[in-house]
Protein backbone atom coordinates (compact mmCIF):
# COMPACT_ATOMS: atom_id res chain seq x y z
CA MET A 1 81.30 96.69 113.42
CA ALA A 2 83.23 94.96 110.78
CA GLN A 3 86.68 93.57 111.28
CA VAL A 4 88.83 94.73 107.62
CA SER A 5 91.63 93.16 108.65
CA PRO A 6 93.22 92.79 112.39
CA ASP A 7 94.78 96.71 112.39
CA VAL A 8 90.96 98.05 111.49
CA THR A 9 88.09 98.02 112.09
CA ILE A 10 84.22 99.89 110.26
CA ALA A 11 81.11 100.32 111.87
CA ARG A 12 78.07 102.17 109.71
CA TRP A 13 75.96 105.07 110.97
CA ARG A 14 72.77 105.66 109.52
CA LYS A 15 70.76 108.57 111.46
CA TYR A 16 69.34 111.62 110.94
CA GLY A 17 69.88 111.47 106.78
CA MET A 18 73.13 110.43 107.28
CA ASP A 19 74.51 107.18 106.24
CA ARG A 20 78.71 107.14 107.14
CA LEU A 21 81.59 104.59 107.86
CA TYR A 22 83.23 104.66 110.55
CA VAL A 23 87.03 103.82 110.78
CA ALA A 24 89.46 103.25 112.96
CA LEU A 25 92.41 100.97 114.34
CA ALA A 26 92.25 98.26 116.92
CA ASP A 27 93.32 100.05 119.37
CA GLY A 28 90.49 102.96 119.37
CA THR A 29 92.49 105.06 117.28
CA LYS A 30 90.39 107.18 114.80
CA VAL A 31 90.74 107.23 110.98
CA GLY A 32 87.55 108.98 109.89
CA TYR A 33 84.53 108.88 108.79
CA TRP A 34 83.27 108.27 104.64
CA ASP A 35 80.14 109.98 103.92
CA LEU A 36 78.31 107.80 101.48
CA VAL A 37 75.76 110.30 100.94
CA THR A 38 77.88 112.31 99.77
CA ASP A 39 80.73 109.55 98.78
CA GLU A 40 83.81 111.65 100.22
CA PRO A 41 85.95 110.44 102.75
CA HIS A 42 86.98 112.93 106.21
CA PRO A 43 90.05 111.31 107.39
CA GLU A 44 91.32 112.13 111.33
CA LYS A 45 94.26 113.82 109.68
CA PRO A 46 95.36 114.02 106.18
CA GLU A 47 97.95 110.98 106.62
CA LEU A 48 95.27 108.89 106.93
CA GLN A 49 93.69 109.69 103.78
CA ARG A 50 95.01 106.66 101.78
CA MET A 51 94.10 104.07 105.00
CA LEU A 52 90.39 105.18 105.12
CA ALA A 53 89.97 104.96 101.12
CA SER A 54 91.26 100.93 101.42
CA ALA A 55 89.22 100.53 104.29
CA TYR A 56 86.35 101.89 102.85
CA ASP A 57 87.31 100.38 99.32
CA VAL A 58 87.13 96.93 101.30
CA TRP A 59 84.06 97.80 102.21
CA ALA A 60 82.77 98.20 98.86
CA THR A 61 83.97 95.24 97.42
CA SER A 62 82.62 93.01 100.24
CA ARG A 63 78.99 94.28 99.62
CA SER A 64 78.74 93.90 95.35
CA PRO A 65 76.57 91.40 93.86
CA GLU A 66 79.11 89.38 93.16
CA ALA A 67 80.21 89.38 97.33
CA SER A 68 76.40 88.51 97.87
CA VAL A 69 75.84 85.94 95.19
CA ALA A 70 79.11 83.65 96.61
CA GLY A 71 78.88 84.20 100.10
């Protein structure tokens, strides 16, 4: 599990041909998940779409080749 910020955590789950990022608030409230196979967001509520997308962007940026070389 990765902590994106003090308020948001991401857990990657890979099983049964699926690959997802589950995003939650620090208090355990589910934000939703990002399907890495289809590259589609699945927010728990429509108003959480932006937060889910932001968490995905942070995760994706941290996995870029430049981040791997620098880090």
